[in-house]
Amino acid sequence: MSNQSSKLGKLYIIIVFALLYIPIIYLIVYSFSSGRQWLTSTGLA
């Protein structure tokens, strides 16, 4: 049981950190590129 909760805890922490860092990374990429060009090159616009 302890092993299962340990895996869930690690997964939870990974998800939380990913959710915290994805917007930061997105803003860094967006600010260093000309935003419209980056959006069209990734197919988001």
N, C-alpha and C. Protein backbone atom coordinates (compact mmCIF):
# COMPACT_ATOMS: atom_id res chain seq x y z
N MET A 1 0.83 -1.20 0.00
CA MET A 1 0.00 0.00 0.00
C MET A 1 0.86 1.25 0.00
N SER A 2 1.93 1.22 0.76
CA SER A 2 2.81 2.38 0.83
C SER A 2 3.45 2.68 -0.53
N ASN A 3 3.81 1.61 -1.26
CA ASN A 3 4.41 1.79 -2.57
C ASN A 3 3.43 2.47 -3.53
N GLN A 4 2.17 2.07 -3.47
CA GLN A 4 1.16 2.65 -4.35
C GLN A 4 0.97 4.14 -4.04
N SER A 5 0.88 4.50 -2.76
CA SER A 5 0.68 5.91 -2.41
C SER A 5 1.92 6.72 -2.75
N SER A 6 3.10 6.10 -2.67
CA SER A 6 4.32 6.79 -3.05
C SER A 6 4.32 7.12 -4.54
N LYS A 7 3.86 6.16 -5.36
CA LYS A 7 3.78 6.41 -6.80
C LYS A 7 2.78 7.51 -7.10
N LEU A 8 1.63 7.48 -6.41
CA LEU A 8 0.62 8.51 -6.63
C LEU A 8 1.14 9.88 -6.19
N GLY A 9 1.90 9.91 -5.13
CA GLY A 9 2.47 11.17 -4.66
C GLY A 9 3.45 11.75 -5.66
N LYS A 10 4.30 10.90 -6.21
CA LYS A 10 5.26 11.37 -7.21
C LYS A 10 4.54 11.86 -8.46
N LEU A 11 3.52 11.13 -8.88
CA LEU A 11 2.75 11.53 -10.06
C LEU A 11 2.07 12.87 -9.82
N TYR A 12 1.50 13.05 -8.63
CA TYR A 12 0.83 14.30 -8.29
C TYR A 12 1.81 15.47 -8.33
N ILE A 13 3.00 15.28 -7.77
CA ILE A 13 4.00 16.35 -7.77
C ILE A 13 4.45 16.69 -9.18
N ILE A 14 4.64 15.66 -10.02
CA ILE A 14 5.03 15.91 -11.41
C ILE A 14 3.96 16.71 -12.13
N ILE A 15 2.70 16.34 -11.93
CA ILE A 15 1.60 17.06 -12.59
C ILE A 15 1.53 18.50 -12.10
N VAL A 16 1.67 18.71 -10.81
CA VAL A 16 1.60 20.07 -10.26
C VAL A 16 2.74 20.92 -10.81
N PHE A 17 3.96 20.39 -10.82
CA PHE A 17 5.08 21.16 -11.35
C PHE A 17 4.92 21.43 -12.84
N ALA A 18 4.40 20.46 -13.58
CA ALA A 18 4.17 20.67 -15.01
C ALA A 18 3.16 21.80 -15.21
N LEU A 19 2.08 21.79 -14.45
CA LEU A 19 1.07 22.84 -14.58
C LEU A 19 1.63 24.21 -14.20
N LEU A 20 2.57 24.24 -13.26
CA LEU A 20 3.17 25.51 -12.88
C LEU A 20 4.15 26.02 -13.93
N TYR A 21 4.91 25.11 -14.53
CA TYR A 21 5.96 25.53 -15.44
C TYR A 21 5.52 25.71 -16.88
N ILE A 22 4.47 25.03 -17.32
CA ILE A 22 4.03 25.17 -18.72
C ILE A 22 3.69 26.62 -19.07
N PRO A 23 2.92 27.35 -18.26
CA PRO A 23 2.65 28.75 -18.62
C PRO A 23 3.90 29.62 -18.62
N ILE A 24 4.83 29.35 -17.71
CA ILE A 24 6.07 30.13 -17.66
C ILE A 24 6.88 29.90 -18.92
N ILE A 25 7.05 28.64 -19.31
CA ILE A 25 7.80 28.32 -20.53
C ILE A 25 7.11 28.91 -21.74
N TYR A 26 5.77 28.83 -21.77
CA TYR A 26 5.03 29.39 -22.90
C TYR A 26 5.27 30.89 -23.00
N LEU A 27 5.22 31.60 -21.88
CA LEU A 27 5.43 33.04 -21.91
C LEU A 27 6.85 33.40 -22.33
N ILE A 28 7.84 32.62 -21.91
CA ILE A 28 9.22 32.88 -22.32
C ILE A 28 9.36 32.70 -23.82
N VAL A 29 8.84 31.59 -24.34
CA VAL A 29 8.93 31.34 -25.79
C VAL A 29 8.18 32.42 -26.54
N TYR A 30 7.01 32.79 -26.06
CA TYR A 30 6.18 33.79 -26.73
C TYR A 30 6.86 35.16 -26.74
N SER A 31 7.54 35.51 -25.64
CA SER A 31 8.14 36.83 -25.55
C SER A 31 9.42 36.93 -26.38
N PHE A 32 10.15 35.82 -26.55
CA PHE A 32 11.39 35.88 -27.30
C PHE A 32 11.21 35.69 -28.79
N SER A 33 10.05 35.24 -29.21
CA SER A 33 9.79 35.13 -30.64
C SER A 33 8.74 36.16 -31.01
N SER A 34 8.61 36.43 -32.29
CA SER A 34 7.49 37.27 -32.69
C SER A 34 6.27 36.38 -32.59
N GLY A 35 5.41 36.69 -31.65
CA GLY A 35 4.35 35.78 -31.25
C GLY A 35 3.51 35.23 -32.38
N ARG A 36 3.12 36.05 -33.32
CA ARG A 36 2.26 35.59 -34.41
C ARG A 36 2.98 34.54 -35.25
N GLN A 37 4.26 34.74 -35.52
CA GLN A 37 5.02 33.79 -36.33
C GLN A 37 5.11 32.44 -35.61
N TRP A 38 5.33 32.45 -34.29
CA TRP A 38 5.44 31.20 -33.55
C TRP A 38 4.11 30.46 -33.55
N LEU A 39 3.02 31.20 -33.38
CA LEU A 39 1.72 30.56 -33.36
C LEU A 39 1.39 29.92 -34.70
N THR A 40 1.71 30.60 -35.79
CA THR A 40 1.39 30.03 -37.10
C THR A 40 2.30 28.86 -37.42
N SER A 41 3.55 28.89 -36.96
CA SER A 41 4.46 27.79 -37.27
C SER A 41 4.08 26.52 -36.51
N THR A 42 3.44 26.66 -35.35
CA THR A 42 3.01 25.48 -34.61
C THR A 42 1.60 25.07 -34.97
N GLY A 43 0.94 25.86 -35.79
CA GLY A 43 -0.41 25.50 -36.22
C GLY A 43 -1.48 25.86 -35.21
N LEU A 44 -1.17 26.72 -34.27
CA LEU A 44 -2.16 27.08 -33.26
C LEU A 44 -3.04 28.25 -33.70
N ALA A 45 -2.62 28.95 -34.75
CA ALA A 45 -3.42 30.10 -35.19
C ALA A 45 -3.93 29.87 -36.60
